[in-house]
Structure formats: structure tokens, C-alpha cells
């Protein structure tokens, strides 16, 4: 696709958009992510190709050739060169802007910028603000915890009762954390240093009220199936699975053989650990059974 004309697309990177693997910045589930791009939630999924045109403008090209994009990503991850050149017949849409932050730029072109809008054009896609906090940043924070699970887990000691177990549906607490239990892990102590804490203000409150609500909604997913992609399962070390789940105002990261972490819209930049306890293992196993998995 890289030819010397203004209509060419100089590919910088690509990501998959499938029920089991999609940029969580776009939404809590696969249909929501597709809606953000104004495309149908096709079960076979899509590939998102991010690049610049001949004048340097940012474009996100959506293609239905998922296998081609998957091969390109796998090759790049292995340090191999791969010329990602989707056939024009596979192009579903070309949207201005990028939904994700891309650090690189095509050589020999002007700096990346949004294309000049024409009447009736949609607003360009753009990544969320790094210094803000909301659903997109919360989901990205959960993704980061999943990627750096070992480092995050090393900070937590369940013997110190860092968190409560699943708790009762009516908000009851069990022995993993008493009424005065405080979270001991936060984004201010994260290994990467990429997400800091913010001082809390206002009246004292229990952040684990939000955690209990999230866990209650997760139990509800077992009775009423959520939109596809709300619960996703991927490989972890050993025989364990890594779970990522989202819902209105919360995100969860967990290993089926270990504890969990919850992030909340109402608790900016905080990672709230949930001790394994007696009830969490069964919940995680049940969620893994209904989760979508990469092919």
C-alpha cells in the first residue's frame, strides 16, 4: 500500500478487533467497540490498520481480512518484516484519526496530523487523554495490570488482608478483610510508574463498596449472558488463564489460580486487590467457562 501518491497508506501498526481481542479503549465489549467505529459487530471480526497517507494525515483503515492482519502482527512481534498490504476489496471503512496512541511515524512524510475535515465527515478518532480518568483510561489501566501481572502480584501479600473476598450480594463482608480493611495496592506503587495516585478528598468512603458491586455484577453475568467480549480469557503461565472483564464503571483482571484486581471509574488511578479467599476461585472458574477466547 506504500506507493508514492497522496492516496497511499503508509502502514505503521495494526491491531485486531474480534470478540475475544479488541482495543479495550473503544468499549467494554465487542459490540460497543464496533459501535465506536460505526461498523457492525461481525462475528468474524476485523483488522484495524493504522497509518498515514501521502501528506502525513492519520487514517484507520478497517479490513475484514482478519487472518492477514493477524499474520502481520505475529511477524512484527517476532521481529520479522512483513508488508501489510490489504486488498482494496477487504476494506470496510477508512476513518480519520487513530483510536490509539502511535509513537512512530512514516519516514519522509509530514508529522502525523488529522486530515482536513470535509462537510459531513465524522470527528477524527483520537486516543484518550493521558492525564484524565474515565472508562477508557480505566480499561487501559486494567490492560496494563494484565500485561505486568507478575510485577503487580509481587507487591501483594494476602496474609496482610489487603482486600476483601467476594463478599455477600447484600454488601456483607467476610474474613479476608474486616470492616476496617484498607486497600494496600494502588497505581501510585505500580511497577511501571505509568499511573500515579491522586489524593482523595471529600468524606471518607469505602472503595470496596464499588468492588463488591462489580463482583455482584460479574455473578450476574453467570445467569444472564453479557454482551460478547465483556469477559475474555487468554493464556497465562502453567494451566491458569488470565481473565479480563468489564462492566459499567469497573474493570477486573484476574488469574484463575490466583487473586484479582479491580479498577473503578469512581477511584481514579487506584488498583484494588481482591484476596483469593474461599469464594473467589469458584467465581473465576465460572467466568472462564463463559469467556470468549482467542482462536
Protein backbone atom coordinates (compact mmCIF):
# COMPACT_ATOMS: atom_id res chain seq x y z
CA UNK A 1 0.00 0.00 0.00
CA UNK A 2 3.02 2.29 0.24
CA UNK A 3 3.34 3.93 -3.15
CA UNK A 4 4.35 7.48 -3.89
CA UNK A 5 0.98 9.19 -4.05
CA UNK A 6 -1.28 11.06 -1.64
CA UNK A 7 -3.87 8.28 -1.56
CA UNK A 8 -1.43 5.60 -0.44
CA UNK A 9 -1.47 4.37 3.14
CA UNK A 10 1.91 4.05 4.82
CA UNK A 11 1.22 1.40 7.45
CA UNK A 12 2.62 1.98 10.94
CA UNK A 13 0.87 -0.67 13.01
CA UNK A 14 -2.24 -2.81 13.22
CA UNK A 15 -4.49 -4.35 15.86
CA UNK A 16 -7.21 -6.98 15.88
CA UNK A 17 -10.86 -6.20 16.53
CA UNK A 18 -12.53 -9.53 17.31
CA UNK A 19 -14.95 -10.73 20.00
CA UNK A 20 -12.04 -12.12 22.03
CA UNK A 21 -9.40 -9.49 21.33
CA UNK A 22 -10.19 -5.83 20.72
CA UNK A 23 -8.76 -2.47 21.80
CA UNK A 24 -10.48 -2.05 25.15
CA UNK A 25 -10.12 1.71 24.81
CA UNK A 26 -13.07 1.52 22.42
CA UNK A 27 -15.59 -0.05 24.80
CA UNK A 28 -16.48 -2.57 27.50
CA UNK A 29 -17.34 -5.28 24.96
CA UNK A 30 -17.06 -6.17 21.28
CA UNK A 31 -20.39 -4.65 20.14
CA UNK A 32 -19.52 -1.40 21.95
CA UNK A 33 -16.08 -1.30 20.33
CA UNK A 34 -17.64 -1.79 16.90
CA UNK A 35 -20.25 0.89 17.61
CA UNK A 36 -17.46 3.35 18.42
CA UNK A 37 -16.19 2.80 14.87
CA UNK A 38 -19.69 2.75 13.36
CA UNK A 39 -19.37 -0.78 11.99
CA UNK A 40 -21.46 -3.92 12.51
CA UNK A 41 -20.27 -6.40 15.18
CA UNK A 42 -19.43 -9.08 12.61
CA UNK A 43 -18.66 -12.36 14.38
CA UNK A 44 -15.56 -12.94 12.27
CA UNK A 45 -14.02 -9.68 13.42
CA UNK A 46 -11.88 -7.08 11.72
CA UNK A 47 -8.35 -5.79 11.49
CA UNK A 48 -7.53 -2.14 12.18
CA UNK A 49 -4.63 -0.83 10.10
CA UNK A 50 -3.20 2.47 11.32
CA UNK A 51 -1.11 4.58 9.00
CA UNK A 52 -0.51 7.88 7.24
CA UNK A 53 -1.46 8.99 3.77
CA UNK A 54 0.90 10.71 1.36
CA UNK A 55 0.54 14.07 3.11
CA UNK A 56 1.02 12.62 6.58
CA UNK A 57 -2.61 12.52 7.71
CA UNK A 58 -3.67 9.84 10.18
CA UNK A 59 -6.08 7.16 8.98
CA UNK A 60 -7.53 4.00 10.48
CA UNK A 61 -8.44 1.50 7.77
CA UNK A 62 -10.83 -1.26 8.83
CA UNK A 63 -10.49 -4.51 6.90
CA UNK A 64 -12.32 -7.83 7.12
CA UNK A 65 -9.22 -9.89 6.28
CA UNK A 66 -8.51 -10.80 9.90
CA UNK A 67 -6.03 -13.57 9.05
CA UNK A 68 -3.81 -11.21 7.06
CA UNK A 69 -3.66 -8.71 9.91
CA UNK A 70 -3.05 -11.46 12.47
CA UNK A 71 -0.10 -12.80 10.45
CA UNK A 72 1.38 -9.31 10.18
CA UNK A 73 1.08 -8.70 13.93
CA UNK A 74 2.63 -12.08 14.74
CA UNK A 75 5.51 -11.42 12.36
CA UNK A 76 6.21 -7.99 13.83
CA UNK A 77 6.07 -9.40 17.36
CA UNK A 78 8.79 -11.86 16.33
CA UNK A 79 10.95 -9.05 14.95
CA UNK A 80 10.31 -10.04 11.34
CA UNK A 81 9.46 -7.70 8.50
CA UNK A 82 6.01 -8.03 6.95
CA UNK A 83 4.48 -5.90 4.25
CA UNK A 84 0.88 -5.48 5.34
CA UNK A 85 -0.97 -4.64 2.14
CA UNK A 86 -4.69 -5.47 2.40
CA UNK A 87 -6.60 -5.87 -0.82
CA UNK A 88 -8.93 -2.95 -1.50
CA UNK A 89 -11.83 -5.42 -1.63
CA UNK A 90 -11.26 -6.21 2.05
CA UNK A 91 -11.58 -2.57 3.14
CA UNK A 92 -14.73 -1.98 5.17
CA UNK A 93 -14.13 1.66 6.07
CA UNK A 94 -11.41 4.31 6.29
CA UNK A 95 -11.79 6.61 9.28
CA UNK A 96 -9.79 9.76 10.00
CA UNK A 97 -7.51 9.71 13.02
CA UNK A 98 -6.21 6.92 15.23
CA UNK A 99 -8.03 5.45 18.25
CA UNK A 100 -4.70 4.50 19.85
CA UNK A 101 -1.53 6.42 20.56
CA UNK A 102 1.14 5.55 17.98
CA UNK A 103 4.70 6.61 18.75
CA UNK A 104 6.16 6.05 15.28
CA UNK A 105 5.69 8.00 12.06
CA UNK A 106 6.28 7.23 8.39
CA UNK A 107 9.70 8.48 7.22
CA UNK A 108 9.78 11.25 4.66
CA UNK A 109 6.26 12.47 5.42
CA UNK A 110 4.96 15.43 7.41
CA UNK A 111 4.33 14.81 11.10
CA UNK A 112 1.14 12.83 11.79
CA UNK A 113 -1.93 15.05 11.84
CA UNK A 114 -5.65 14.70 11.38
CA UNK A 115 -6.87 15.12 7.80
CA UNK A 116 -8.70 18.28 6.82
CA UNK A 117 -12.38 17.64 7.51
CA UNK A 118 -14.96 17.88 4.78
CA UNK A 119 -18.62 18.64 5.30
CA UNK A 120 -20.39 15.68 6.82
CA UNK A 121 -17.19 13.94 7.97
CA UNK A 122 -17.16 12.34 11.41
CA UNK A 123 -14.78 13.69 14.02
CA UNK A 124 -11.32 12.09 13.81
CA UNK A 125 -10.57 9.18 16.09
CA UNK A 126 -8.21 10.06 18.92
CA UNK A 127 -6.71 8.26 21.94
CA UNK A 128 -7.95 9.23 25.42
CA UNK A 129 -6.14 11.96 27.32
CA UNK A 130 -3.32 10.56 29.41
CA UNK A 131 -3.95 12.89 32.34
CA UNK A 132 -7.68 12.20 32.52
CA UNK A 133 -9.63 9.39 34.13
CA UNK A 134 -12.74 7.74 32.82
CA UNK A 135 -13.93 4.45 31.31
CA UNK A 136 -11.26 4.40 28.57
CA UNK A 137 -8.38 5.10 30.96
CA UNK A 138 -9.80 2.60 33.45
CA UNK A 139 -9.86 -0.16 30.83
CA UNK A 140 -6.36 0.72 29.64
CA UNK A 141 -5.15 0.60 33.23
CA UNK A 142 -6.61 -2.89 33.61
CA UNK A 143 -4.87 -3.94 30.41
CA UNK A 144 -1.58 -2.71 31.86
CA UNK A 145 -2.08 -4.69 35.06
CA UNK A 146 -2.76 -7.82 33.00
CA UNK A 147 0.40 -7.29 30.96
CA UNK A 148 2.51 -6.83 34.11
CA UNK A 149 0.72 -9.33 36.31
CA UNK A 150 3.83 -10.82 37.92
CA UNK A 151 5.18 -7.45 38.98
CA UNK A 152 1.84 -6.33 40.36
CA UNK A 153 1.25 -9.61 42.14
CA UNK A 154 4.65 -9.44 43.81
CA UNK A 155 3.53 -6.35 45.70
CA UNK A 156 0.52 -8.04 47.28
CA UNK A 157 0.55 -10.20 50.40
CA UNK A 158 -2.79 -11.84 51.16
CA UNK A 159 -1.64 -12.51 54.73
CA UNK A 160 -1.86 -8.76 55.28
CA UNK A 161 -5.58 -8.82 54.35
CA UNK A 162 -5.05 -6.34 51.54
CA UNK A 163 -8.58 -6.82 50.29
CA UNK A 164 -11.89 -8.44 50.90
CA UNK A 165 -13.06 -11.64 49.27
CA UNK A 166 -16.12 -11.72 47.07
CA UNK A 167 -18.49 -10.79 49.93
CA UNK A 168 -22.22 -11.23 50.05
CA UNK A 169 -24.62 -9.91 47.45
CA UNK A 170 -26.09 -7.55 50.06
CA UNK A 171 -22.69 -5.99 50.72
CA UNK A 172 -21.67 -8.27 53.61
CA UNK A 173 -18.01 -8.79 54.35
CA UNK A 174 -16.16 -11.94 55.10
CA UNK A 175 -12.98 -12.75 56.90
CA UNK A 176 -10.47 -11.76 54.23
CA UNK A 177 -10.96 -8.12 55.16
CA UNK A 178 -12.85 -6.76 58.11
CA UNK A 179 -14.86 -3.57 58.33
CA UNK A 180 -11.68 -1.53 58.63
CA UNK A 181 -9.76 -3.19 55.83
CA UNK A 182 -7.87 -0.78 53.61
CA UNK A 183 -6.52 -1.38 50.11
CA UNK A 184 -2.75 -1.66 50.09
CA UNK A 185 -2.18 -1.51 46.36
CA UNK A 186 -2.63 1.45 44.12
CA UNK A 187 -1.46 2.87 40.84
CA UNK A 188 0.89 5.07 42.81
CA UNK A 189 3.01 1.99 43.61
CA UNK A 190 2.79 0.25 40.31
CA UNK A 191 5.95 -1.30 38.85
CA UNK A 192 5.87 0.69 35.63
CA UNK A 193 5.40 4.10 37.19
CA UNK A 194 2.98 4.90 34.39
CA UNK A 195 -0.09 5.56 36.54
CA UNK A 196 0.10 7.60 39.69
CA UNK A 197 -2.23 8.11 42.60
CA UNK A 198 -4.32 11.16 43.19
CA UNK A 199 -5.12 12.41 46.70
CA UNK A 200 -8.64 11.58 47.76
CA UNK A 201 -10.91 14.34 49.00
CA UNK A 202 -14.34 14.71 50.44
CA UNK A 203 -15.95 12.49 53.07
CA UNK A 204 -14.37 9.17 53.91
CA UNK A 205 -15.77 6.27 51.95
CA UNK A 206 -15.03 2.61 51.38
CA UNK A 207 -13.69 1.98 47.86
CA UNK A 208 -14.60 -1.67 48.28
CA UNK A 209 -18.26 -0.76 48.00
CA UNK A 210 -17.54 -0.39 44.28
CA UNK A 211 -15.57 -3.63 44.24
CA UNK A 212 -18.48 -5.52 45.81
CA UNK A 213 -20.84 -4.00 43.24
CA UNK A 214 -18.54 -5.09 40.40
CA UNK A 215 -18.26 -8.64 41.75
CA UNK A 216 -22.03 -8.80 42.17
CA UNK A 217 -22.49 -7.77 38.53
CA UNK A 218 -19.97 -10.40 37.49
CA UNK A 219 -22.02 -13.06 39.30
CA UNK A 220 -25.00 -11.76 37.35
CA UNK A 221 -23.14 -12.50 34.12
CA UNK A 222 -23.35 -16.19 35.03
CA UNK A 223 -27.16 -16.03 34.99
CA UNK A 224 -27.72 -13.60 32.12
CA UNK A 225 -25.09 -13.72 29.40
CA UNK A 226 -23.43 -10.30 28.91
CA UNK A 227 -22.62 -8.79 25.51
CA UNK A 228 -19.91 -10.78 23.78
CA UNK A 229 -16.43 -9.74 24.86
CA UNK A 230 -17.41 -8.47 28.31
CA UNK A 231 -15.47 -11.44 29.72
CA UNK A 232 -12.32 -12.55 27.91
CA UNK A 233 -9.89 -15.34 28.69
CA UNK A 234 -6.30 -15.59 27.49
CA UNK A 235 -3.27 -17.74 28.16
CA UNK A 236 -1.29 -17.39 31.38
CA UNK A 237 1.60 -19.39 32.78
CA UNK A 238 1.04 -23.01 33.71
CA UNK A 239 -2.53 -24.19 33.38
CA UNK A 240 -4.02 -20.89 34.52
CA UNK A 241 -5.99 -18.42 32.44
CA UNK A 242 -5.87 -14.63 32.54
CA UNK A 243 -9.32 -13.07 32.79
CA UNK A 244 -10.32 -9.56 31.73
CA UNK A 245 -13.85 -8.43 32.42
CA UNK A 246 -15.55 -5.06 32.21
CA UNK A 247 -18.86 -3.52 33.15
CA UNK A 248 -20.40 -0.12 33.78
CA UNK A 249 -17.82 1.75 35.82
CA UNK A 250 -15.44 -1.12 36.57
CA UNK A 251 -12.79 -3.45 35.16
CA UNK A 252 -11.41 -6.69 36.55
CA UNK A 253 -8.12 -8.50 35.97
CA UNK A 254 -7.60 -11.95 37.48
CA UNK A 255 -5.79 -15.24 37.13
CA UNK A 256 -7.91 -18.32 37.60
CA UNK A 257 -5.32 -19.73 40.02
CA UNK A 258 -4.76 -16.54 41.97
CA UNK A 259 -6.27 -13.26 43.17
CA UNK A 260 -7.94 -10.41 41.29
CA UNK A 261 -7.58 -6.67 40.82
CA UNK A 262 -10.43 -4.22 40.23
CA UNK A 263 -10.30 -0.70 38.81
CA UNK A 264 -13.21 1.71 39.20
CA UNK A 265 -14.30 4.89 37.47
CA UNK A 266 -15.02 6.28 40.94
CA UNK A 267 -11.49 5.57 42.23
CA UNK A 268 -9.14 7.37 39.84
CA UNK A 269 -5.86 5.57 39.22
CA UNK A 270 -6.35 3.06 42.03
CA UNK A 271 -5.88 -0.69 41.67
CA UNK A 272 -7.91 -2.50 44.33
CA UNK A 273 -6.70 -6.05 45.13
CA UNK A 274 -9.21 -8.80 45.89
CA UNK A 275 -7.80 -11.63 48.01
CA UNK A 276 -8.45 -15.14 46.75
CA UNK A 277 -10.34 -16.30 49.84
CA UNK A 278 -12.91 -19.12 49.80
CA UNK A 279 -15.38 -17.75 47.22
CA UNK A 280 -13.34 -16.04 44.52
CA UNK A 281 -11.90 -19.23 42.93
CA UNK A 282 -15.35 -20.59 42.01
CA UNK A 283 -16.38 -17.25 40.53
CA UNK A 284 -13.25 -17.04 38.39
CA UNK A 285 -13.63 -20.60 37.13
CA UNK A 286 -17.27 -19.96 36.23
CA UNK A 287 -16.36 -16.74 34.41
CA UNK A 288 -13.62 -18.54 32.50
CA UNK A 289 -16.22 -21.06 31.33
CA UNK A 290 -18.35 -18.32 29.70
CA UNK A 291 -15.46 -16.15 28.47
CA UNK A 292 -14.56 -15.76 24.82
CA UNK A 293 -11.06 -16.91 23.89
CA UNK A 294 -8.69 -16.06 21.05
CA UNK A 295 -8.89 -18.56 18.20
